[in-house]
C-alpha atoms as a PDB file:
ATOM      1  CA  MET A   1      92.346  56.669  61.278  1.00  0.00           C
ATOM      2  CA  ALA A   2      90.821  57.682  64.546  1.00  0.00           C
ATOM      3  CA  ILE A   3      87.324  56.486  65.335  1.00  0.00           C
ATOM      4  CA  ILE A   4      85.424  58.237  68.148  1.00  0.00           C
ATOM      5  CA  THR A   5      88.631  58.576  70.271  1.00  0.00           C
ATOM      6  CA  VAL A   6      90.105  62.060  69.837  1.00  0.00           C
ATOM      7  CA  HIS A   7      87.940  63.336  72.796  1.00  0.00           C
ATOM      8  CA  HIS A   8      89.830  60.895  75.024  1.00  0.00           C
ATOM      9  CA  TRP A   9      93.319  62.000  74.037  1.00  0.00           C
ATOM     10  CA  ARG A  10      95.348  64.149  76.488  1.00  0.00           C
ATOM     11  CA  ASP A  11      96.528  66.426  73.711  1.00  0.00           C
ATOM     12  CA  PRO A  12      94.320  66.152  70.606  1.00  0.00           C
ATOM     13  CA  ILE A  13      96.319  68.802  68.602  1.00  0.00           C
ATOM     14  CA  ALA A  14      99.580  66.853  69.065  1.00  0.00           C
ATOM     15  CA  GLY A  15      97.889  63.530  68.218  1.00  0.00           C
ATOM     16  CA  LEU A  16      96.319  64.881  65.085  1.00  0.00           C
ATOM     17  CA  ALA A  17      99.714  66.525  64.068  1.00  0.00           C
ATOM     18  CA  GLU A  18     101.276  63.114  64.485  1.00  0.00           C
ATOM     19  CA  MET A  19      98.590  61.354  62.439  1.00  0.00           C
ATOM     20  CA  THR A  20      99.199  63.957  59.714  1.00  0.00           C
ATOM     21  CA  ARG A  21     102.996  63.412  59.929  1.00  0.00           C
ATOM     22  CA  VAL A  22     103.003  59.652  59.624  1.00  0.00           C
ATOM     23  CA  ALA A  23     100.011  59.135  57.199  1.00  0.00           C
ATOM     24  CA  ARG A  24     100.933  58.321  53.633  1.00  0.00           C
ATOM     25  CA  ASP A  25      97.857  59.456  51.891  1.00  0.00           C
ATOM     26  CA  ARG A  26      95.146  60.956  54.216  1.00  0.00           C
ATOM     27  CA  VAL A  27      93.953  61.290  57.856  1.00  0.00           C
ATOM     28  CA  VAL A  28      90.556  60.159  58.657  1.00  0.00           C
ATOM     29  CA  VAL A  29      88.799  61.024  61.937  1.00  0.00           C
ATOM     30  CA  LEU A  30      85.300  60.020  62.974  1.00  0.00           C
ATOM     31  CA  THR A  31      84.259  62.192  65.864  1.00  0.00           C
ATOM     32  CA  PHE A  32      81.308  64.282  67.151  1.00  0.00           C
ATOM     33  CA  ASP A  33      80.144  67.880  66.798  1.00  0.00           C
ATOM     34  CA  PRO A  34      78.285  68.455  70.077  1.00  0.00           C
ATOM     35  CA  PRO A  35      75.508  70.914  69.115  1.00  0.00           C
ATOM     36  CA  PRO A  36      73.223  68.313  67.581  1.00  0.00           C
ATOM     37  CA  LEU A  37      73.363  66.330  70.866  1.00  0.00           C
ATOM     38  CA  ALA A  38      71.697  69.256  72.651  1.00  0.00           C
ATOM     39  CA  GLY A  39      68.433  68.250  70.879  1.00  0.00           C
ATOM     40  CA  HIS A  40      68.593  64.578  71.902  1.00  0.00           C
ATOM     41  CA  TRP A  41      65.546  63.462  73.820  1.00  0.00           C
ATOM     42  CA  MET A  42      67.752  61.989  76.572  1.00  0.00           C
ATOM     43  CA  VAL A  43      69.274  65.379  77.094  1.00  0.00           C
ATOM     44  CA  GLN A  44      66.037  67.338  76.726  1.00  0.00           C
ATOM     45  CA  ASP A  45      63.791  65.248  78.983  1.00  0.00           C
ATOM     46  CA  TYR A  46      65.957  63.084  81.309  1.00  0.00           C
ATOM     47  CA  VAL A  47      69.721  63.777  81.908  1.00  0.00           C
ATOM     48  CA  PRO A  48      70.572  67.201  80.633  1.00  0.00           C
ATOM     49  CA  ARG A  49      74.064  66.920  81.949  1.00  0.00           C
ATOM     50  CA  LEU A  50      74.899  64.391  79.248  1.00  0.00           C
ATOM     51  CA  TYR A  51      75.137  67.248  76.801  1.00  0.00           C
ATOM     52  CA  GLU A  52      77.350  69.237  78.987  1.00  0.00           C
ATOM     53  CA  VAL A  53      79.694  66.383  79.667  1.00  0.00           C
ATOM     54  CA  HIS A  54      79.849  65.536  75.963  1.00  0.00           C
ATOM     55  CA  ALA A  55      80.439  69.249  74.976  1.00  0.00           C
ATOM     56  CA  GLU A  56      83.192  69.516  77.529  1.00  0.00           C
ATOM     57  CA  MET A  57      84.855  66.250  76.641  1.00  0.00           C
ATOM     58  CA  ILE A  58      84.557  66.448  72.828  1.00  0.00           C
ATOM     59  CA  GLY A  59      85.062  70.171  72.362  1.00  0.00           C
ATOM     60  CA  SER A  60      84.406  71.944  69.109  1.00  0.00           C
ATOM     61  CA  ILE A  61      84.751  70.186  65.842  1.00  0.00           C
ATOM     62  CA  ASP A  62      86.783  73.196  64.821  1.00  0.00           C
ATOM     63  CA  ILE A  63      89.718  71.883  66.922  1.00  0.00           C
ATOM     64  CA  VAL A  64      89.886  68.797  64.615  1.00  0.00           C
ATOM     65  CA  THR A  65      89.397  70.636  61.374  1.00  0.00           C
ATOM     66  CA  ALA A  66      91.895  73.292  62.247  1.00  0.00           C
ATOM     67  CA  ALA A  67      94.511  70.679  63.131  1.00  0.00           C
ATOM     68  CA  LEU A  68      94.055  68.889  59.821  1.00  0.00           C
ATOM     69  CA  PRO A  69      95.021  71.373  56.957  1.00  0.00           C
ATOM     70  CA  GLY A  70      92.532  71.161  54.059  1.00  0.00           C
ATOM     71  CA  ALA A  71      90.108  69.004  56.052  1.00  0.00           C
ATOM     72  CA  GLU A  72      86.687  68.327  54.613  1.00  0.00           C
ATOM     73  CA  MET A  73      83.892  67.371  56.913  1.00  0.00           C
ATOM     74  CA  GLU A  74      80.871  65.157  56.190  1.00  0.00           C
ATOM     75  CA  THR A  75      77.826  64.515  58.359  1.00  0.00           C
ATOM     76  CA  ILE A  76      77.235  60.807  59.129  1.00  0.00           C
ATOM     77  CA  PRO A  77      73.624  60.153  60.191  1.00  0.00           C
ATOM     78  CA  ILE A  78      73.187  57.237  62.562  1.00  0.00           C
ATOM     79  CA  PRO A  79      70.957  54.575  61.113  1.00  0.00           C
ATOM     80  CA  ARG A  80      67.967  53.148  63.025  1.00  0.00           C
ATOM     81  CA  LEU A  81      68.851  50.052  64.941  1.00  0.00           C
ATOM     82  CA  CYS A  82      72.512  51.012  64.900  1.00  0.00           C
ATOM     83  CA  GLU A  83      74.436  48.132  66.522  1.00  0.00           C
ATOM     84  CA  ASP A  84      77.016  50.288  68.272  1.00  0.00           C
ATOM     85  CA  GLY A  85      75.935  50.881  71.846  1.00  0.00           C
ATOM     86  CA  PHE A  86      77.232  54.440  72.431  1.00  0.00           C
ATOM     87  CA  TRP A  87      74.456  56.347  74.182  1.00  0.00           C
ATOM     88  CA  CYS A  88      73.320  58.659  71.474  1.00  0.00           C
ATOM     89  CA  ALA A  89      73.229  55.825  68.866  1.00  0.00           C
ATOM     90  CA  LEU A  90      70.351  54.331  70.775  1.00  0.00           C
ATOM     91  CA  TRP A  91      68.082  57.268  69.787  1.00  0.00           C
ATOM     92  CA  ASP A  92      65.515  54.871  68.594  1.00  0.00           C
ATOM     93  CA  ARG A  93      65.571  52.399  71.371  1.00  0.00           C
ATOM     94  CA  PRO A  94      65.062  54.195  74.715  1.00  0.00           C
ATOM     95  CA  GLU A  95      64.629  50.956  76.726  1.00  0.00           C
ATOM     96  CA  LEU A  96      68.284  50.081  76.105  1.00  0.00           C
ATOM     97  CA  HIS A  97      69.387  53.041  78.301  1.00  0.00           C
ATOM     98  CA  LEU A  98      67.779  51.293  81.363  1.00  0.00           C
ATOM     99  CA  ASP A  99      70.411  48.482  81.140  1.00  0.00           C
ATOM    100  CA  PRO A 100      73.483  49.266  83.169  1.00  0.00           C
ATOM    101  CA  ASP A 101      75.724  47.258  80.870  1.00  0.00           C
ATOM    102  CA  VAL A 102      74.664  49.425  78.048  1.00  0.00           C
ATOM    103  CA  ARG A 103      75.500  52.532  79.935  1.00  0.00           C
ATOM    104  CA  ARG A 104      78.799  51.105  80.881  1.00  0.00           C
ATOM    105  CA  ALA A 105      79.839  51.286  77.238  1.00  0.00           C
ATOM    106  CA  SER A 106      79.577  55.155  77.088  1.00  0.00           C
ATOM    107  CA  SER A 107      82.120  57.285  78.905  1.00  0.00           C
ATOM    108  CA  GLY A 108      79.686  60.147  79.411  1.00  0.00           C
ATOM    109  CA  TRP A 109      77.505  58.298  81.824  1.00  0.00           C
ATOM    110  CA  HIS A 110      80.514  57.735  84.164  1.00  0.00           C
ATOM    111  CA  GLN A 111      80.979  61.465  84.622  1.00  0.00           C
ATOM    112  CA  ILE A 112      77.533  62.247  85.805  1.00  0.00           C
ATOM    113  CA  ASP A 113      76.420  62.004  89.627  1.00  0.00           C
ATOM    114  CA  ALA A 114      74.775  58.634  90.071  1.00  0.00           C
ATOM    115  CA  GLU A 115      71.728  60.328  91.818  1.00  0.00           C
ATOM    116  CA  GLU A 116      71.164  62.547  88.761  1.00  0.00           C
ATOM    117  CA  VAL A 117      71.458  59.500  86.403  1.00  0.00           C
ATOM    118  CA  GLU A 118      68.958  57.511  88.485  1.00  0.00           C
ATOM    119  CA  ARG A 119      66.445  60.374  88.580  1.00  0.00           C
ATOM    120  CA  GLY A 120      66.583  60.584  84.749  1.00  0.00           C
ATOM    121  CA  LEU A 121      66.356  56.889  84.367  1.00  0.00           C
ATOM    122  CA  THR A 122      63.493  56.772  86.756  1.00  0.00           C
ATOM    123  CA  ALA A 123      61.599  59.269  84.754  1.00  0.00           C
ATOM    124  CA  LEU A 124      62.392  57.481  81.547  1.00  0.00           C
ATOM    125  CA  ARG A 125      61.212  54.162  82.878  1.00  0.00           C
ATOM    126  CA  ALA A 126      57.904  55.812  83.945  1.00  0.00           C
ATOM    127  CA  ASP A 127      57.451  57.547  80.643  1.00  0.00           C
ATOM    128  CA  LEU A 128      58.127  54.210  78.761  1.00  0.00           C
ATOM    129  CA  GLN A 129      55.533  52.423  81.030  1.00  0.00           C
ATOM    130  CA  SER A 130      52.889  55.198  80.707  1.00  0.00           C
ATOM    131  CA  GLY A 131      53.382  55.641  76.898  1.00  0.00           C
ATOM    132  CA  ALA A 132      54.547  59.225  77.384  1.00  0.00           C
ATOM    133  CA  TRP A 133      57.849  58.668  75.653  1.00  0.00           C
ATOM    134  CA  ASP A 134      56.217  57.284  72.635  1.00  0.00           C
ATOM    135  CA  GLU A 135      53.691  60.103  72.463  1.00  0.00           C
ATOM    136  CA  ARG A 136      56.600  62.561  72.398  1.00  0.00           C
ATOM    137  CA  HIS A 137      59.199  60.597  70.462  1.00  0.00           C
ATOM    138  CA  GLY A 138      57.689  57.431  69.117  1.00  0.00           C
ATOM    139  CA  HIS A 139      58.286  58.744  65.561  1.00  0.00           C
ATOM    140  CA  LEU A 140      61.928  57.990  66.159  1.00  0.00           C
ATOM    141  CA  ARG A 141      61.283  54.239  66.406  1.00  0.00           C
ATOM    142  CA  THR A 142      60.756  54.138  62.623  1.00  0.00           C
ATOM    143  CA  ALA A 143      62.874  57.041  61.336  1.00  0.00           C
ATOM    144  CA  PRO A 144      65.512  55.627  58.935  1.00  0.00           C
ATOM    145  CA  GLU A 145      68.356  57.764  60.408  1.00  0.00           C
ATOM    146  CA  LEU A 146      69.197  60.707  62.621  1.00  0.00           C
ATOM    147  CA  ASP A 147      71.899  63.320  62.637  1.00  0.00           C
ATOM    148  CA  ILE A 148      73.189  63.244  66.271  1.00  0.00           C
ATOM    149  CA  GLY A 149      76.442  65.034  65.448  1.00  0.00           C
ATOM    150  CA  LEU A 150      78.647  62.270  64.053  1.00  0.00           C
ATOM    151  CA  ARG A 151      81.191  63.762  61.672  1.00  0.00           C
ATOM    152  CA  LEU A 152      83.746  62.278  59.315  1.00  0.00           C
ATOM    153  CA  VAL A 153      86.744  64.461  58.817  1.00  0.00           C
ATOM    154  CA  ILE A 154      89.133  63.724  56.016  1.00  0.00           C
ATOM    155  CA  ALA A 155      92.325  65.554  55.184  1.00  0.00           C
ATOM    156  CA  GLY A 156      95.347  64.857  52.946  1.00  0.00           C
ATOM    157  CA  ALA A 157      98.615  63.864  54.754  1.00  0.00           C
ATOM    158  CA  GLY A 158     101.491  66.252  55.265  1.00  0.00           C
END
């Protein structure tokens, strides 16, 4: 099982092949498919580079499915108030992105120029104070779940 980690591996194809080799029954990978992240409000309105960083880092979901023969993929929507602190899981709580400790928990923030991040956060802070964020995205505060690209890939072992 690999949980939101494949994009950090030096050689994902070799790692997935090794998982297939040693697994008794099945290989399970929880990862991201970048395209849904392009529509995330943080990317659209505040820090567009977050999408580019994640798309570059994660790559195509096709890499994972091609490396796992017979793989099936399932969309895993992120529930409202998700307790995990990775950046896109906080889609319903924009205020949390203003906390530097919260941003430290997601690798994408560390790959973006500090000035660009600060510009985006300054705009977010202003939109939260003025109510502009809620005017545009307030419906997300009560939505039960959102597809942000999280995918479960399951394949039988070799």
